[in-house]
Amino acid sequence: MPYSFYLENIPERAKENPRQFLKPTAAELDNLKVGDPVRLFFIFNFKTADGCHAERMWIEISEIDNDNFKGSLTNQPVYIKDIQVGDEVEFTRDNIATIIVKPKFDETKKAIITKKALHKRQINWVMRSKLNNPQDSGWRFFHGDEDQDYLDDPNNSTIVTLESVLQFEPKLENVLPSNGSAFDWDDESGEFVENKQYSKSWWQFWKQ
């Protein structure tokens, strides 16, 4: 029986869209050993009510045979039902999306995102505000060209997990654990860059 998912080929997708699909370096992949955690993208062969199309999940490597790997799933899928935490997964070097020893922040925390940014699956402005509740990360995400009338309408924003945002903006992985409070996407560098000029004013806006 076929699985309800397939594993993303990271080099192919990174070539098509380097902003949304990062890949480990050859040296990082060469240095992998049994026991190391790696993250894979499990792409759905089904549709979800909320439009999610993939789960980014961790595997602990148990076997390495040249470019082929085996490992056990270390987190419980939310959408996928035909594999469970602890199940063995076979994958290749090209399926490895991330190599991080320890998560830098809690990806289950919530954030506010404008519906425009969510629909376009692109974030160009990021800022941090006061926490509304224990599950709130404080992060707020924008497409970047929303006007004030749009932002003032609460129906134009929604709540998401940091995990769901990282599915389409993986370079935020370096922003979210930082101490900065405002960042712009910079096309020239291909990175999110701290915007110190506007940081204070946006902080005051969201404190209101």
Protein backbone atom coordinates (compact mmCIF):
# COMPACT_ATOMS: atom_id res chain seq x y z
CA MET A 1 0.00 0.00 0.00
CA PRO A 2 1.52 3.36 -1.03
CA TYR A 3 2.23 5.96 1.61
CA SER A 4 0.18 9.15 1.84
CA PHE A 5 3.37 11.21 1.41
CA TYR A 6 6.69 11.38 -0.39
CA LEU A 7 10.01 12.87 0.67
CA GLU A 8 11.07 16.16 -0.91
CA ASN A 9 14.19 16.23 -3.10
CA ILE A 10 15.90 19.18 -1.46
CA PRO A 11 18.63 19.98 -4.05
CA GLU A 12 16.06 20.08 -6.85
CA ARG A 13 13.71 22.36 -4.95
CA ALA A 14 16.55 24.57 -3.70
CA LYS A 15 17.64 25.10 -7.28
CA GLU A 16 14.10 26.11 -8.27
CA ASN A 17 13.54 28.30 -5.23
CA PRO A 18 16.63 29.02 -3.11
CA ARG A 19 14.64 31.25 -0.76
CA GLN A 20 12.17 28.60 0.33
CA PHE A 21 14.33 25.49 0.12
CA LEU A 22 17.68 25.63 1.86
CA LYS A 23 20.04 22.69 1.79
CA PRO A 24 22.93 21.52 3.97
CA THR A 25 26.46 21.85 2.61
CA ALA A 26 28.28 18.83 1.19
CA ALA A 27 30.66 18.91 4.16
CA GLU A 28 27.75 18.83 6.64
CA LEU A 29 26.25 15.84 4.86
CA ASP A 30 29.61 14.05 4.68
CA ASN A 31 30.06 14.42 8.44
CA LEU A 32 26.74 12.85 9.39
CA LYS A 33 26.93 9.83 11.69
CA VAL A 34 24.57 7.34 13.33
CA GLY A 35 22.61 9.06 16.08
CA ASP A 36 22.53 12.48 14.40
CA PRO A 37 19.11 14.13 13.91
CA VAL A 38 18.15 15.37 10.46
CA ARG A 39 14.97 16.97 9.23
CA LEU A 40 13.05 15.80 6.17
CA PHE A 41 10.11 17.34 4.32
CA PHE A 42 7.17 14.90 4.12
CA ILE A 43 5.01 16.14 1.22
CA PHE A 44 1.35 15.13 1.29
CA ASN A 45 -0.37 13.15 -1.44
CA PHE A 46 -3.63 14.50 -0.02
CA LYS A 47 -5.27 17.86 0.64
CA THR A 48 -5.87 19.37 4.07
CA ALA A 49 -8.63 21.73 5.17
CA ASP A 50 -6.14 24.43 6.16
CA GLY A 51 -4.04 24.20 3.00
CA CYS A 52 -0.97 22.70 4.67
CA HIS A 53 0.96 20.57 2.18
CA ALA A 54 3.88 19.16 4.17
CA GLU A 55 5.25 18.28 7.58
CA ARG A 56 8.86 18.99 8.53
CA MET A 57 9.90 16.19 10.84
CA TRP A 58 13.03 14.94 12.57
CA ILE A 59 14.68 11.57 12.01
CA GLU A 60 17.43 10.06 14.15
CA ILE A 61 19.86 8.27 11.85
CA SER A 62 20.30 4.54 12.57
CA GLU A 63 22.09 3.34 9.40
CA ILE A 64 24.26 4.99 6.73
CA ASP A 65 25.14 3.25 3.46
CA ASN A 66 26.88 5.76 1.19
CA ASP A 67 24.05 8.11 0.12
CA ASN A 68 21.30 5.96 1.62
CA PHE A 69 20.04 6.32 5.19
CA LYS A 70 17.66 4.77 7.68
CA GLY A 71 16.38 6.35 10.84
CA SER A 72 13.52 6.55 13.31
CA LEU A 73 10.91 9.29 13.39
CA THR A 74 11.30 11.31 16.61
CA ASN A 75 8.13 13.42 16.53
CA GLN A 76 4.47 12.52 16.08
CA PRO A 77 2.96 13.61 12.74
CA VAL A 78 -0.02 15.92 12.89
CA TYR A 79 -1.54 15.24 9.46
CA ILE A 80 0.12 12.03 8.26
CA LYS A 81 -1.58 8.93 9.67
CA ASP A 82 0.37 6.02 8.11
CA ILE A 83 3.59 6.58 10.08
CA GLN A 84 4.02 7.20 13.79
CA VAL A 85 6.76 8.38 16.12
CA GLY A 86 9.42 5.64 16.37
CA ASP A 87 8.73 4.22 12.88
CA GLU A 88 11.69 3.55 10.60
CA VAL A 89 12.07 5.81 7.58
CA GLU A 90 14.36 5.18 4.60
CA PHE A 91 15.73 8.23 2.82
CA THR A 92 18.66 9.49 0.78
CA ARG A 93 21.16 12.28 1.07
CA ASP A 94 18.98 14.40 -1.24
CA ASN A 95 16.04 14.25 1.19
CA ILE A 96 17.92 15.90 4.06
CA ALA A 97 16.73 19.47 4.55
CA THR A 98 18.25 20.49 7.87
CA ILE A 99 20.97 19.35 10.25
CA ILE A 100 20.59 20.88 13.71
CA VAL A 101 21.66 19.21 16.91
CA LYS A 102 19.17 21.05 19.10
CA PRO A 103 16.14 23.17 18.13
CA LYS A 104 16.83 26.85 18.79
CA PHE A 105 13.27 27.73 19.78
CA ASP A 106 9.82 26.23 20.33
CA GLU A 107 8.27 25.83 16.89
CA THR A 108 4.84 25.07 18.38
CA LYS A 109 4.52 28.68 19.62
CA LYS A 110 1.96 30.85 17.86
CA ALA A 111 2.37 34.00 15.76
CA ILE A 112 0.12 36.46 13.95
CA ILE A 113 0.39 36.63 10.17
CA THR A 114 -1.50 38.73 7.66
CA LYS A 115 -3.69 36.70 5.33
CA LYS A 116 -1.94 38.30 2.39
CA ALA A 117 1.43 36.94 3.52
CA LEU A 118 -0.09 33.54 4.21
CA HIS A 119 -1.91 33.37 0.88
CA LYS A 120 1.16 34.45 -1.10
CA ARG A 121 3.40 32.26 1.09
CA GLN A 122 5.93 35.06 1.29
CA ILE A 123 7.02 37.20 4.24
CA ASN A 124 9.02 40.38 3.67
CA TRP A 125 8.58 42.12 7.01
CA VAL A 126 8.93 40.56 10.46
CA MET A 127 8.58 42.16 13.86
CA ARG A 128 8.23 41.18 17.49
CA SER A 129 5.68 42.57 19.96
CA LYS A 130 4.56 41.92 23.52
CA LEU A 131 3.25 38.44 24.35
CA ASN A 132 -0.52 38.02 24.51
CA ASN A 133 -0.50 34.61 26.24
CA PRO A 134 1.94 31.78 27.13
CA GLN A 135 1.55 30.22 23.67
CA ASP A 136 2.35 33.46 21.86
CA SER A 137 5.87 33.76 20.41
CA GLY A 138 5.52 37.52 20.02
CA TRP A 139 6.38 37.35 16.31
CA ARG A 140 4.26 39.08 13.69
CA PHE A 141 4.61 38.39 9.96
CA PHE A 142 3.70 40.61 7.00
CA HIS A 143 3.87 40.46 3.24
CA GLY A 144 5.27 43.98 3.49
CA ASP A 145 2.94 46.07 1.36
CA GLU A 146 -0.18 46.02 3.54
CA ASP A 147 -1.51 49.52 4.22
CA GLN A 148 -2.72 50.78 7.59
CA ASP A 149 -6.41 50.22 6.80
CA TYR A 150 -5.64 46.58 6.00
CA LEU A 151 -3.66 46.10 9.20
CA ASP A 152 -6.36 47.75 11.32
CA ASP A 153 -8.92 45.15 10.23
CA PRO A 154 -8.53 42.07 12.49
CA ASN A 155 -10.17 39.92 9.81
CA ASN A 156 -7.07 40.38 7.67
CA SER A 157 -4.83 38.47 10.09
CA THR A 158 -4.78 34.95 11.46
CA ILE A 159 -2.84 32.84 13.96
CA VAL A 160 -0.33 30.19 12.86
CA THR A 161 2.46 28.16 14.44
CA LEU A 162 6.08 29.05 13.82
CA GLU A 163 6.47 25.55 12.37
CA SER A 164 3.90 26.27 9.63
CA VAL A 165 5.63 29.55 8.73
CA LEU A 166 9.03 27.86 8.47
CA GLN A 167 7.59 25.52 5.86
CA PHE A 168 7.60 28.35 3.32
CA GLU A 169 10.13 30.77 4.85
CA PRO A 170 12.93 28.53 6.22
CA LYS A 171 15.41 31.40 6.48
CA LEU A 172 13.42 32.68 9.42
CA GLU A 173 15.09 29.88 11.38
CA ASN A 174 17.95 32.30 12.10
CA VAL A 175 15.64 35.23 12.88
CA LEU A 176 13.23 33.67 15.36
CA PRO A 177 15.77 32.89 18.12
CA SER A 178 17.45 36.29 17.75
CA ASN A 179 17.13 39.34 19.99
CA GLY A 180 16.13 41.64 17.14
CA SER A 181 12.64 43.10 16.95
CA ALA A 182 12.23 43.94 13.24
CA PHE A 183 13.59 42.42 10.02
CA ASP A 184 13.21 43.04 6.28
CA TRP A 185 13.75 40.55 3.49
CA ASP A 186 16.74 41.73 1.45
CA ASP A 187 16.72 40.52 -2.16
CA GLU A 188 20.38 41.38 -2.69
CA SER A 189 21.72 39.24 0.14
CA GLY A 190 18.90 36.69 0.04
CA GLU A 191 18.51 36.98 3.81
CA PHE A 192 16.33 38.62 6.45
CA VAL A 193 18.20 41.69 7.70
CA GLU A 194 17.51 43.50 10.95
CA ASN A 195 15.78 46.83 10.35
CA LYS A 196 16.98 48.98 13.22
CA GLN A 197 15.54 52.18 11.76
CA TYR A 198 11.91 51.01 11.93
CA SER A 199 12.22 48.57 14.79
CA LYS A 200 11.34 51.04 17.53
CA SER A 201 8.34 52.59 15.78
CA TRP A 202 6.77 49.23 14.93
CA TRP A 203 7.38 48.02 18.46
CA GLN A 204 5.44 51.01 19.80
CA PHE A 205 2.63 50.41 17.30
CA TRP A 206 2.08 46.83 18.42
CA LYS A 207 2.31 47.73 22.11
CA GLN A 208 -0.86 49.82 21.76
